PDB file of all heavy atoms in Angstrom:
ATOM      1  N   SER A   1     -17.734  39.579-134.984  1.00  0.00           N
ATOM      2  CA  SER A   1     -17.092  40.888-134.884  1.00  0.00           C
ATOM      3  C   SER A   1     -17.677  41.796-135.944  1.00  0.00           C
ATOM      4  O   SER A   1     -17.595  41.516-137.112  1.00  0.00           O
ATOM      5  CB  SER A   1     -15.589  40.719-135.076  1.00  0.00           C
ATOM      6  OG  SER A   1     -14.897  41.936-135.026  1.00  0.00           O
ATOM      7  N   LEU A   2     -18.172  42.954-135.524  1.00  0.00           N
ATOM      8  CA  LEU A   2     -18.728  43.927-136.462  1.00  0.00           C
ATOM      9  C   LEU A   2     -17.631  44.576-137.280  1.00  0.00           C
ATOM     10  O   LEU A   2     -16.484  44.505-136.890  1.00  0.00           O
ATOM     11  CB  LEU A   2     -19.539  44.971-135.694  1.00  0.00           C
ATOM     12  CG  LEU A   2     -21.027  44.625-135.444  1.00  0.00           C
ATOM     13  CD1 LEU A   2     -21.198  43.360-134.695  1.00  0.00           C
ATOM     14  CD2 LEU A   2     -21.726  45.792-134.845  1.00  0.00           C
ATOM     15  N   PRO A   3     -18.013  45.269-138.363  1.00  0.00           N
ATOM     16  CA  PRO A   3     -16.970  45.869-139.209  1.00  0.00           C
ATOM     17  C   PRO A   3     -16.302  47.110-138.592  1.00  0.00           C
ATOM     18  O   PRO A   3     -16.818  47.695-137.689  1.00  0.00           O
ATOM     19  CB  PRO A   3     -17.752  46.262-140.440  1.00  0.00           C
ATOM     20  CG  PRO A   3     -19.170  46.121-140.180  1.00  0.00           C
ATOM     21  CD  PRO A   3     -19.341  45.334-138.915  1.00  0.00           C
ATOM     22  N   ASN A   4     -15.153  47.436-139.184  1.00  0.00           N
ATOM     23  CA  ASN A   4     -14.352  48.581-138.739  1.00  0.00           C
ATOM     24  C   ASN A   4     -14.538  49.744-139.724  1.00  0.00           C
ATOM     25  O   ASN A   4     -13.924  49.777-140.790  1.00  0.00           O
ATOM     26  CB  ASN A   4     -12.909  48.186-138.655  1.00  0.00           C
ATOM     27  CG  ASN A   4     -11.973  49.332-138.289  1.00  0.00           C
ATOM     28  OD1 ASN A   4     -12.461  50.432-138.026  1.00  0.00           O
ATOM     29  ND2 ASN A   4     -10.692  49.071-138.210  1.00  0.00           N
ATOM     30  N   THR A   5     -15.429  50.646-139.394  1.00  0.00           N
ATOM     31  CA  THR A   5     -15.683  51.879-140.188  1.00  0.00           C
ATOM     32  C   THR A   5     -15.998  51.559-141.629  1.00  0.00           C
ATOM     33  O   THR A   5     -15.506  52.225-142.529  1.00  0.00           O
ATOM     34  CB  THR A   5     -14.419  52.801-140.101  1.00  0.00           C
ATOM     35  OG1 THR A   5     -13.960  52.786-138.752  1.00  0.00           O
ATOM     36  CG2 THR A   5     -14.774  54.201-140.468  1.00  0.00           C
ATOM     37  N   THR A   6     -16.875  50.587-141.816  1.00  0.00           N
ATOM     38  CA  THR A   6     -17.296  50.215-143.167  1.00  0.00           C
ATOM     39  C   THR A   6     -18.587  49.387-143.054  1.00  0.00           C
ATOM     40  O   THR A   6     -19.228  49.374-142.022  1.00  0.00           O
ATOM     41  CB  THR A   6     -16.140  49.374-143.890  1.00  0.00           C
ATOM     42  OG1 THR A   6     -16.513  49.196-145.242  1.00  0.00           O
ATOM     43  CG2 THR A   6     -15.925  48.046-143.213  1.00  0.00           C
ATOM     44  N   SER A   7     -18.917  48.681-144.121  1.00  0.00           N
ATOM     45  CA  SER A   7     -20.046  47.788-144.078  1.00  0.00           C
ATOM     46  C   SER A   7     -19.607  46.376-144.365  1.00  0.00           C
ATOM     47  O   SER A   7     -18.560  46.150-144.980  1.00  0.00           O
ATOM     48  CB  SER A   7     -21.150  48.178-145.104  1.00  0.00           C
ATOM     49  OG  SER A   7     -20.647  48.098-146.402  1.00  0.00           O
ATOM     50  N   ALA A   8     -20.357  45.421-143.853  1.00  0.00           N
ATOM     51  CA  ALA A   8     -20.102  44.006-144.074  1.00  0.00           C
ATOM     52  C   ALA A   8     -21.423  43.336-144.328  1.00  0.00           C
ATOM     53  O   ALA A   8     -22.415  43.654-143.636  1.00  0.00           O
ATOM     54  CB  ALA A   8     -19.369  43.369-142.925  1.00  0.00           C
ATOM     55  N   SER A   9     -21.479  42.390-145.283  1.00  0.00           N
ATOM     56  CA  SER A   9     -22.710  41.729-145.614  1.00  0.00           C
ATOM     57  C   SER A   9     -22.586  40.231-145.265  1.00  0.00           C
ATOM     58  O   SER A   9     -21.499  39.645-145.387  1.00  0.00           O
ATOM     59  CB  SER A   9     -22.971  41.883-147.142  1.00  0.00           C
ATOM     60  OG  SER A   9     -23.187  43.223-147.404  1.00  0.00           O
ATOM     61  N   TYR A  10     -23.719  39.678-144.830  1.00  0.00           N
ATOM     62  CA  TYR A  10     -23.751  38.310-144.365  1.00  0.00           C
ATOM     63  C   TYR A  10     -24.956  37.641-145.047  1.00  0.00           C
ATOM     64  O   TYR A  10     -26.134  38.133-144.941  1.00  0.00           O
ATOM     65  CB  TYR A  10     -23.917  38.238-142.882  1.00  0.00           C
ATOM     66  CG  TYR A  10     -22.886  39.075-142.185  1.00  0.00           C
ATOM     67  CD1 TYR A  10     -23.199  40.389-141.810  1.00  0.00           C
ATOM     68  CD2 TYR A  10     -21.627  38.604-141.915  1.00  0.00           C
ATOM     69  CE1 TYR A  10     -22.258  41.198-141.177  1.00  0.00           C
ATOM     70  CE2 TYR A  10     -20.685  39.382-141.284  1.00  0.00           C
ATOM     71  CZ  TYR A  10     -21.026  40.704-140.897  1.00  0.00           C
ATOM     72  OH  TYR A  10     -20.071  41.494-140.302  1.00  0.00           O
ATOM     73  N   ALA A  11     -24.754  36.559-145.733  1.00  0.00           N
ATOM     74  CA  ALA A  11     -25.836  35.838-146.413  1.00  0.00           C
ATOM     75  C   ALA A  11     -26.843  35.317-145.433  1.00  0.00           C
ATOM     76  O   ALA A  11     -26.462  34.778-144.350  1.00  0.00           O
ATOM     77  CB  ALA A  11     -25.287  34.657-147.245  1.00  0.00           C
ATOM     78  N   HIS A  12     -28.156  35.514-145.687  1.00  0.00           N
ATOM     79  CA  HIS A  12     -29.142  35.029-144.760  1.00  0.00           C
ATOM     80  C   HIS A  12     -29.754  33.691-145.276  1.00  0.00           C
ATOM     81  O   HIS A  12     -30.454  33.009-144.517  1.00  0.00           O
ATOM     82  CB  HIS A  12     -30.252  36.038-144.464  1.00  0.00           C
ATOM     83  CG  HIS A  12     -30.885  36.612-145.663  1.00  0.00           C
ATOM     84  ND1 HIS A  12     -31.556  35.862-146.625  1.00  0.00           N
ATOM     85  CD2 HIS A  12     -31.043  37.879-146.031  1.00  0.00           C
ATOM     86  CE1 HIS A  12     -32.057  36.707-147.535  1.00  0.00           C
ATOM     87  NE2 HIS A  12     -31.727  37.940-147.180  1.00  0.00           N
ATOM     88  N   SER A  13     -29.443  33.274-146.424  1.00  0.00           N
ATOM     89  CA  SER A  13     -29.824  31.964-147.027  1.00  0.00           C
ATOM     90  C   SER A  13     -31.330  31.748-147.064  1.00  0.00           C
ATOM     91  O   SER A  13     -31.803  30.622-146.911  1.00  0.00           O
ATOM     92  CB  SER A  13     -29.167  30.823-146.215  1.00  0.00           C
ATOM     93  OG  SER A  13     -27.781  31.008-146.237  1.00  0.00           O
ATOM     94  N   VAL A  14     -32.089  32.811-147.250  1.00  0.00           N
ATOM     95  CA  VAL A  14     -33.554  32.698-147.355  1.00  0.00           C
ATOM     96  C   VAL A  14     -33.931  32.853-148.811  1.00  0.00           C
ATOM     97  O   VAL A  14     -33.404  33.753-149.479  1.00  0.00           O
ATOM     98  CB  VAL A  14     -34.258  33.757-146.478  1.00  0.00           C
ATOM     99  CG1 VAL A  14     -35.760  33.746-146.684  1.00  0.00           C
ATOM    100  CG2 VAL A  14     -33.900  33.611-145.017  1.00  0.00           C
ATOM    101  N   SER A  15     -34.808  32.043-149.312  1.00  0.00           N
ATOM    102  CA  SER A  15     -35.245  32.192-150.686  1.00  0.00           C
ATOM    103  C   SER A  15     -36.726  32.502-150.698  1.00  0.00           C
ATOM    104  O   SER A  15     -37.470  32.314-149.724  1.00  0.00           O
ATOM    105  CB  SER A  15     -34.975  30.878-151.485  1.00  0.00           C
ATOM    106  OG  SER A  15     -35.625  29.801-150.871  1.00  0.00           O
ATOM    107  N   ASN A  16     -37.197  33.050-151.863  1.00  0.00           N
ATOM    108  CA  ASN A  16     -38.603  33.354-152.081  1.00  0.00           C
ATOM    109  C   ASN A  16     -39.191  34.322-151.058  1.00  0.00           C
ATOM    110  O   ASN A  16     -40.298  34.203-150.635  1.00  0.00           O
ATOM    111  CB  ASN A  16     -39.439  32.027-152.076  1.00  0.00           C
ATOM    112  CG  ASN A  16     -38.930  31.073-153.105  1.00  0.00           C
ATOM    113  OD1 ASN A  16     -38.653  31.447-154.229  1.00  0.00           O
ATOM    114  ND2 ASN A  16     -38.788  29.833-152.702  1.00  0.00           N
ATOM    115  N   ILE A  17     -38.421  35.400-150.758  1.00  0.00           N
ATOM    116  CA  ILE A  17     -38.952  36.467-149.925  1.00  0.00           C
ATOM    117  C   ILE A  17     -39.962  37.316-150.670  1.00  0.00           C
ATOM    118  O   ILE A  17     -39.664  37.767-151.761  1.00  0.00           O
ATOM    119  CB  ILE A  17     -37.770  37.346-149.370  1.00  0.00           C
ATOM    120  CG1 ILE A  17     -36.894  36.588-148.436  1.00  0.00           C
ATOM    121  CG2 ILE A  17     -38.351  38.613-148.669  1.00  0.00           C
ATOM    122  CD1 ILE A  17     -35.691  37.336-147.940  1.00  0.00           C
ATOM    123  N   ALA A  18     -41.136  37.496-150.099  1.00  0.00           N
ATOM    124  CA  ALA A  18     -42.106  38.351-150.696  1.00  0.00           C
ATOM    125  C   ALA A  18     -41.961  39.753-150.182  1.00  0.00           C
ATOM    126  O   ALA A  18     -41.833  40.740-150.905  1.00  0.00           O
ATOM    127  CB  ALA A  18     -43.552  37.840-150.440  1.00  0.00           C
ATOM    128  N   TYR A  19     -41.974  39.911-148.838  1.00  0.00           N
ATOM    129  CA  TYR A  19     -41.786  41.207-148.217  1.00  0.00           C
ATOM    130  C   TYR A  19     -40.869  41.093-147.000  1.00  0.00           C
ATOM    131  O   TYR A  19     -40.997  40.142-146.205  1.00  0.00           O
ATOM    132  CB  TYR A  19     -43.111  41.760-147.682  1.00  0.00           C
ATOM    133  CG  TYR A  19     -44.099  42.033-148.778  1.00  0.00           C
ATOM    134  CD1 TYR A  19     -45.133  41.145-149.097  1.00  0.00           C
ATOM    135  CD2 TYR A  19     -44.002  43.179-149.572  1.00  0.00           C
ATOM    136  CE1 TYR A  19     -46.033  41.384-150.100  1.00  0.00           C
ATOM    137  CE2 TYR A  19     -44.906  43.438-150.587  1.00  0.00           C
ATOM    138  CZ  TYR A  19     -45.891  42.519-150.885  1.00  0.00           C
ATOM    139  OH  TYR A  19     -46.768  42.772-151.867  1.00  0.00           O
ATOM    140  N   THR A  20     -39.946  42.049-146.885  1.00  0.00           N
ATOM    141  CA  THR A  20     -39.170  42.163-145.655  1.00  0.00           C
ATOM    142  C   THR A  20     -39.854  43.121-144.718  1.00  0.00           C
ATOM    143  O   THR A  20     -40.134  44.270-145.122  1.00  0.00           O
ATOM    144  CB  THR A  20     -37.724  42.689-145.950  1.00  0.00           C
ATOM    145  OG1 THR A  20     -37.094  41.776-146.792  1.00  0.00           O
ATOM    146  CG2 THR A  20     -36.925  42.903-144.696  1.00  0.00           C
ATOM    147  N   LEU A  21     -40.244  42.643-143.562  1.00  0.00           N
ATOM    148  CA  LEU A  21     -41.054  43.471-142.675  1.00  0.00           C
ATOM    149  C   LEU A  21     -40.210  44.225-141.600  1.00  0.00           C
ATOM    150  O   LEU A  21     -40.581  45.310-141.201  1.00  0.00           O
ATOM    151  CB  LEU A  21     -42.060  42.589-141.947  1.00  0.00           C
ATOM    152  CG  LEU A  21     -42.965  41.793-142.932  1.00  0.00           C
ATOM    153  CD1 LEU A  21     -43.806  40.768-142.127  1.00  0.00           C
ATOM    154  CD2 LEU A  21     -43.811  42.736-143.725  1.00  0.00           C
ATOM    155  N   LYS A  22     -39.116  43.589-141.196  1.00  0.00           N
ATOM    156  CA  LYS A  22     -38.321  44.225-140.167  1.00  0.00           C
ATOM    157  C   LYS A  22     -36.911  43.639-140.218  1.00  0.00           C
ATOM    158  O   LYS A  22     -36.712  42.439-140.486  1.00  0.00           O
ATOM    159  CB  LYS A  22     -38.899  43.925-138.822  1.00  0.00           C
ATOM    160  CG  LYS A  22     -38.315  44.678-137.641  1.00  0.00           C
ATOM    161  CD  LYS A  22     -38.894  44.216-136.327  1.00  0.00           C
ATOM    162  CE  LYS A  22     -40.036  45.092-135.916  1.00  0.00           C
ATOM    163  NZ  LYS A  22     -40.466  44.786-134.513  1.00  0.00           N
ATOM    164  N   VAL A  23     -35.901  44.480-139.969  1.00  0.00           N
ATOM    165  CA  VAL A  23     -34.495  44.104-139.800  1.00  0.00           C
ATOM    166  C   VAL A  23     -33.986  44.750-138.538  1.00  0.00           C
ATOM    167  O   VAL A  23     -34.082  45.974-138.408  1.00  0.00           O
ATOM    168  CB  VAL A  23     -33.648  44.516-141.046  1.00  0.00           C
ATOM    169  CG1 VAL A  23     -32.243  44.077-140.881  1.00  0.00           C
ATOM    170  CG2 VAL A  23     -34.243  43.973-142.320  1.00  0.00           C
ATOM    171  N   TYR A  24     -33.410  43.975-137.644  1.00  0.00           N
ATOM    172  CA  TYR A  24     -32.977  44.549-136.389  1.00  0.00           C
ATOM    173  C   TYR A  24     -31.940  43.625-135.758  1.00  0.00           C
ATOM    174  O   TYR A  24     -31.674  42.517-136.263  1.00  0.00           O
ATOM    175  CB  TYR A  24     -34.134  44.735-135.409  1.00  0.00           C
ATOM    176  CG  TYR A  24     -34.902  43.435-135.111  1.00  0.00           C
ATOM    177  CD1 TYR A  24     -34.604  42.714-134.002  1.00  0.00           C
ATOM    178  CD2 TYR A  24     -35.888  42.960-135.976  1.00  0.00           C
ATOM    179  CE1 TYR A  24     -35.272  41.519-133.718  1.00  0.00           C
ATOM    180  CE2 TYR A  24     -36.565  41.781-135.710  1.00  0.00           C
ATOM    181  CZ  TYR A  24     -36.263  41.067-134.577  1.00  0.00           C
ATOM    182  OH  TYR A  24     -36.920  39.911-134.323  1.00  0.00           O
ATOM    183  N   GLY A  25     -31.357  44.062-134.660  1.00  0.00           N
ATOM    184  CA  GLY A  25     -30.374  43.211-133.982  1.00  0.00           C
ATOM    185  C   GLY A  25     -29.966  43.784-132.652  1.00  0.00           C
ATOM    186  O   GLY A  25     -30.574  44.714-132.128  1.00  0.00           O
ATOM    187  N   GLN A  26     -28.934  43.142-132.127  1.00  0.00           N
ATOM    188  CA  GLN A  26     -28.394  43.573-130.870  1.00  0.00           C
ATOM    189  C   GLN A  26     -26.901  43.292-130.845  1.00  0.00           C
ATOM    190  O   GLN A  26     -26.466  42.238-131.404  1.00  0.00           O
ATOM    191  CB  GLN A  26     -29.073  42.853-129.721  1.00  0.00           C
ATOM    192  CG  GLN A  26     -28.577  43.280-128.329  1.00  0.00           C
ATOM    193  CD  GLN A  26     -29.450  42.660-127.244  1.00  0.00           C
ATOM    194  OE1 GLN A  26     -30.137  41.686-127.456  1.00  0.00           O
ATOM    195  NE2 GLN A  26     -29.389  43.280-126.074  1.00  0.00           N
ATOM    196  N   THR A  27     -26.088  44.139-130.231  1.00  0.00           N
ATOM    197  CA  THR A  27     -24.674  43.906-130.113  1.00  0.00           C
ATOM    198  C   THR A  27     -24.328  43.767-128.617  1.00  0.00           C
ATOM    199  O   THR A  27     -25.038  44.208-127.764  1.00  0.00           O
ATOM    200  CB  THR A  27     -23.817  45.047-130.761  1.00  0.00           C
ATOM    201  OG1 THR A  27     -24.090  46.260-130.013  1.00  0.00           O
ATOM    202  CG2 THR A  27     -24.205  45.243-132.190  1.00  0.00           C
ATOM    203  N   TYR A  28     -23.109  43.221-128.429  1.00  0.00           N
ATOM    204  CA  TYR A  28     -22.660  42.998-127.045  1.00  0.00           C
ATOM    205  C   TYR A  28     -21.116  43.108-127.048  1.00  0.00           C
ATOM    206  O   TYR A  28     -20.443  42.563-127.885  1.00  0.00           O
ATOM    207  CB  TYR A  28     -23.081  41.606-126.575  1.00  0.00           C
ATOM    208  CG  TYR A  28     -22.669  41.308-125.121  1.00  0.00           C
ATOM    209  CD1 TYR A  28     -23.117  42.075-124.073  1.00  0.00           C
ATOM    210  CD2 TYR A  28     -21.760  40.266-124.872  1.00  0.00           C
ATOM    211  CE1 TYR A  28     -22.754  41.798-122.779  1.00  0.00           C
ATOM    212  CE2 TYR A  28     -21.352  40.009-123.551  1.00  0.00           C
ATOM    213  CZ  TYR A  28     -21.848  40.750-122.496  1.00  0.00           C
ATOM    214  OH  TYR A  28     -21.459  40.467-121.245  1.00  0.00           O
ATOM    215  N   ASP A  29     -20.612  43.837-126.095  1.00  0.00           N
ATOM    216  CA  ASP A  29     -19.143  44.000-125.973  1.00  0.00           C
ATOM    217  C   ASP A  29     -18.583  43.395-124.706  1.00  0.00           C
ATOM    218  O   ASP A  29     -17.408  43.704-124.357  1.00  0.00           O
ATOM    219  CB  ASP A  29     -18.774  45.497-126.029  1.00  0.00           C
ATOM    220  CG  ASP A  29     -19.321  46.294-124.860  1.00  0.00           C
ATOM    221  OD1 ASP A  29     -19.928  45.768-123.962  1.00  0.00           O
ATOM    222  OD2 ASP A  29     -19.069  47.545-124.858  1.00  0.00           O
ATOM    223  N   GLY A  30     -19.324  42.593-123.994  1.00  0.00           N
ATOM    224  CA  GLY A  30     -18.886  42.006-122.747  1.00  0.00           C
ATOM    225  C   GLY A  30     -19.499  42.696-121.557  1.00  0.00           C
ATOM    226  O   GLY A  30     -19.499  42.199-120.489  1.00  0.00           O
ATOM    227  N   THR A  31     -19.959  43.933-121.750  1.00  0.00           N
ATOM    228  CA  THR A  31     -20.566  44.778-120.689  1.00  0.00           C
ATOM    229  C   THR A  31     -21.959  45.264-121.095  1.00  0.00           C
ATOM    230  O   THR A  31     -22.920  45.133-120.382  1.00  0.00           O
ATOM    231  CB  THR A  31     -19.684  45.984-120.337  1.00  0.00           C
ATOM    232  OG1 THR A  31     -18.394  45.463-119.910  1.00  0.00           O
ATOM    233  CG2 THR A  31     -20.270  46.765-119.198  1.00  0.00           C
ATOM    234  N   TYR A  32     -22.020  45.889-122.325  1.00  0.00           N
ATOM    235  CA  TYR A  32     -23.220  46.575-122.738  1.00  0.00           C
ATOM    236  C   TYR A  32     -23.924  45.841-123.865  1.00  0.00           C
ATOM    237  O   TYR A  32     -23.225  45.405-124.823  1.00  0.00           O
ATOM    238  CB  TYR A  32     -22.906  47.969-123.182  1.00  0.00           C
ATOM    239  CG  TYR A  32     -22.324  48.875-122.072  1.00  0.00           C
ATOM    240  CD1 TYR A  32     -20.986  49.142-122.071  1.00  0.00           C
ATOM    241  CD2 TYR A  32     -23.148  49.369-121.098  1.00  0.00           C
ATOM    242  CE1 TYR A  32     -20.425  49.879-121.037  1.00  0.00           C
ATOM    243  CE2 TYR A  32     -22.653  50.147-120.066  1.00  0.00           C
ATOM    244  CZ  TYR A  32     -21.305  50.390-120.031  1.00  0.00           C
ATOM    245  OH  TYR A  32     -20.731  51.183-119.039  1.00  0.00           O
ATOM    246  N   TYR A  33     -25.205  45.748-123.779  1.00  0.00           N
ATOM    247  CA  TYR A  33     -26.043  45.325-124.899  1.00  0.00           C
ATOM    248  C   TYR A  33     -26.584  46.561-125.579  1.00  0.00           C
ATOM    249  O   TYR A  33     -27.127  47.407-124.939  1.00  0.00           O
ATOM    250  CB  TYR A  33     -27.197  44.442-124.390  1.00  0.00           C
ATOM    251  CG  TYR A  33     -26.758  43.149-123.836  1.00  0.00           C
ATOM    252  CD1 TYR A  33     -26.486  42.987-122.482  1.00  0.00           C
ATOM    253  CD2 TYR A  33     -26.625  42.006-124.660  1.00  0.00           C
ATOM    254  CE1 TYR A  33     -26.078  41.791-121.977  1.00  0.00           C
ATOM    255  CE2 TYR A  33     -26.204  40.808-124.108  1.00  0.00           C
ATOM    256  CZ  TYR A  33     -25.918  40.709-122.769  1.00  0.00           C
ATOM    257  OH  TYR A  33     -25.532  39.492-122.245  1.00  0.00           O
ATOM    258  N   ARG A  34     -26.472  46.639-126.914  1.00  0.00           N
ATOM    259  CA  ARG A  34     -27.011  47.746-127.668  1.00  0.00           C
ATOM    260  C   ARG A  34     -27.967  47.265-128.734  1.00  0.00           C
ATOM    261  O   ARG A  34     -27.650  46.367-129.437  1.00  0.00           O
ATOM    262  CB  ARG A  34     -25.856  48.496-128.372  1.00  0.00           C
ATOM    263  CG  ARG A  34     -24.898  49.205-127.399  1.00  0.00           C
ATOM    264  CD  ARG A  34     -23.690  49.744-128.198  1.00  0.00           C
ATOM    265  NE  ARG A  34     -22.691  50.313-127.339  1.00  0.00           N
ATOM    266  CZ  ARG A  34     -21.745  49.635-126.725  1.00  0.00           C
ATOM    267  NH1 ARG A  34     -21.632  48.362-126.932  1.00  0.00           N
ATOM    268  NH2 ARG A  34     -20.901  50.239-125.927  1.00  0.00           N
ATOM    269  N   PRO A  35     -29.137  47.934-128.857  1.00  0.00           N
ATOM    270  CA  PRO A  35     -30.038  47.553-129.914  1.00  0.00           C
ATOM    271  C   PRO A  35     -29.509  48.079-131.256  1.00  0.00           C
ATOM    272  O   PRO A  35     -28.731  49.078-131.254  1.00  0.00           O
ATOM    273  CB  PRO A  35     -31.343  48.279-129.552  1.00  0.00           C
ATOM    274  CG  PRO A  35     -30.847  49.503-128.779  1.00  0.00           C
ATOM    275  CD  PRO A  35     -29.654  49.028-127.996  1.00  0.00           C
ATOM    276  N   VAL A  36     -29.842  47.437-132.311  1.00  0.00           N
ATOM    277  CA  VAL A  36     -29.455  47.895-133.687  1.00  0.00           C
ATOM    278  C   VAL A  36     -30.693  47.934-134.495  1.00  0.00           C
ATOM    279  O   VAL A  36     -31.444  46.945-134.450  1.00  0.00           O
ATOM    280  CB  VAL A  36     -28.393  46.937-134.300  1.00  0.00           C
ATOM    281  CG1 VAL A  36     -28.120  47.396-135.736  1.00  0.00           C
ATOM    282  CG2 VAL A  36     -27.143  46.914-133.468  1.00  0.00           C
ATOM    283  N   PRO A  37     -31.011  49.024-135.151  1.00  0.00           N
ATOM    284  CA  PRO A  37     -30.082  50.190-135.348  1.00  0.00           C
ATOM    285  C   PRO A  37     -29.878  50.898-134.001  1.00  0.00           C
ATOM    286  O   PRO A  37     -30.692  50.962-133.170  1.00  0.00           O
ATOM    287  CB  PRO A  37     -30.805  51.109-136.315  1.00  0.00           C
ATOM    288  CG  PRO A  37     -32.197  50.602-136.496  1.00  0.00           C
ATOM    289  CD  PRO A  37     -32.244  49.207-135.869  1.00  0.00           C
ATOM    290  N   PHE A  38     -28.626  51.435-133.894  1.00  0.00           N
ATOM    291  CA  PHE A  38     -28.198  52.164-132.690  1.00  0.00           C
ATOM    292  C   PHE A  38     -27.787  53.554-133.110  1.00  0.00           C
ATOM    293  O   PHE A  38     -26.910  53.729-133.956  1.00  0.00           O
ATOM    294  CB  PHE A  38     -27.016  51.393-132.074  1.00  0.00           C
ATOM    295  CG  PHE A  38     -26.421  52.115-130.872  1.00  0.00           C
ATOM    296  CD1 PHE A  38     -27.081  52.118-129.648  1.00  0.00           C
ATOM    297  CD2 PHE A  38     -25.192  52.724-130.923  1.00  0.00           C
ATOM    298  CE1 PHE A  38     -26.529  52.751-128.541  1.00  0.00           C
ATOM    299  CE2 PHE A  38     -24.631  53.365-129.819  1.00  0.00           C
ATOM    300  CZ  PHE A  38     -25.311  53.369-128.632  1.00  0.00           C
TER     301      PHE A  38
END
C-alpha cells in the first residue's frame, strides 16, 4: 500500500553501491497499471 499524502521509505538491503543508474516502478489498483514516476 503506497503512502497517504506523504513519503515512505523501504530498505533495499543492497550494500556497496557504486552508482545508482535508474529507479522506477509500477503501481496497480485492481484495474489500472501506472508507471512510476507517474
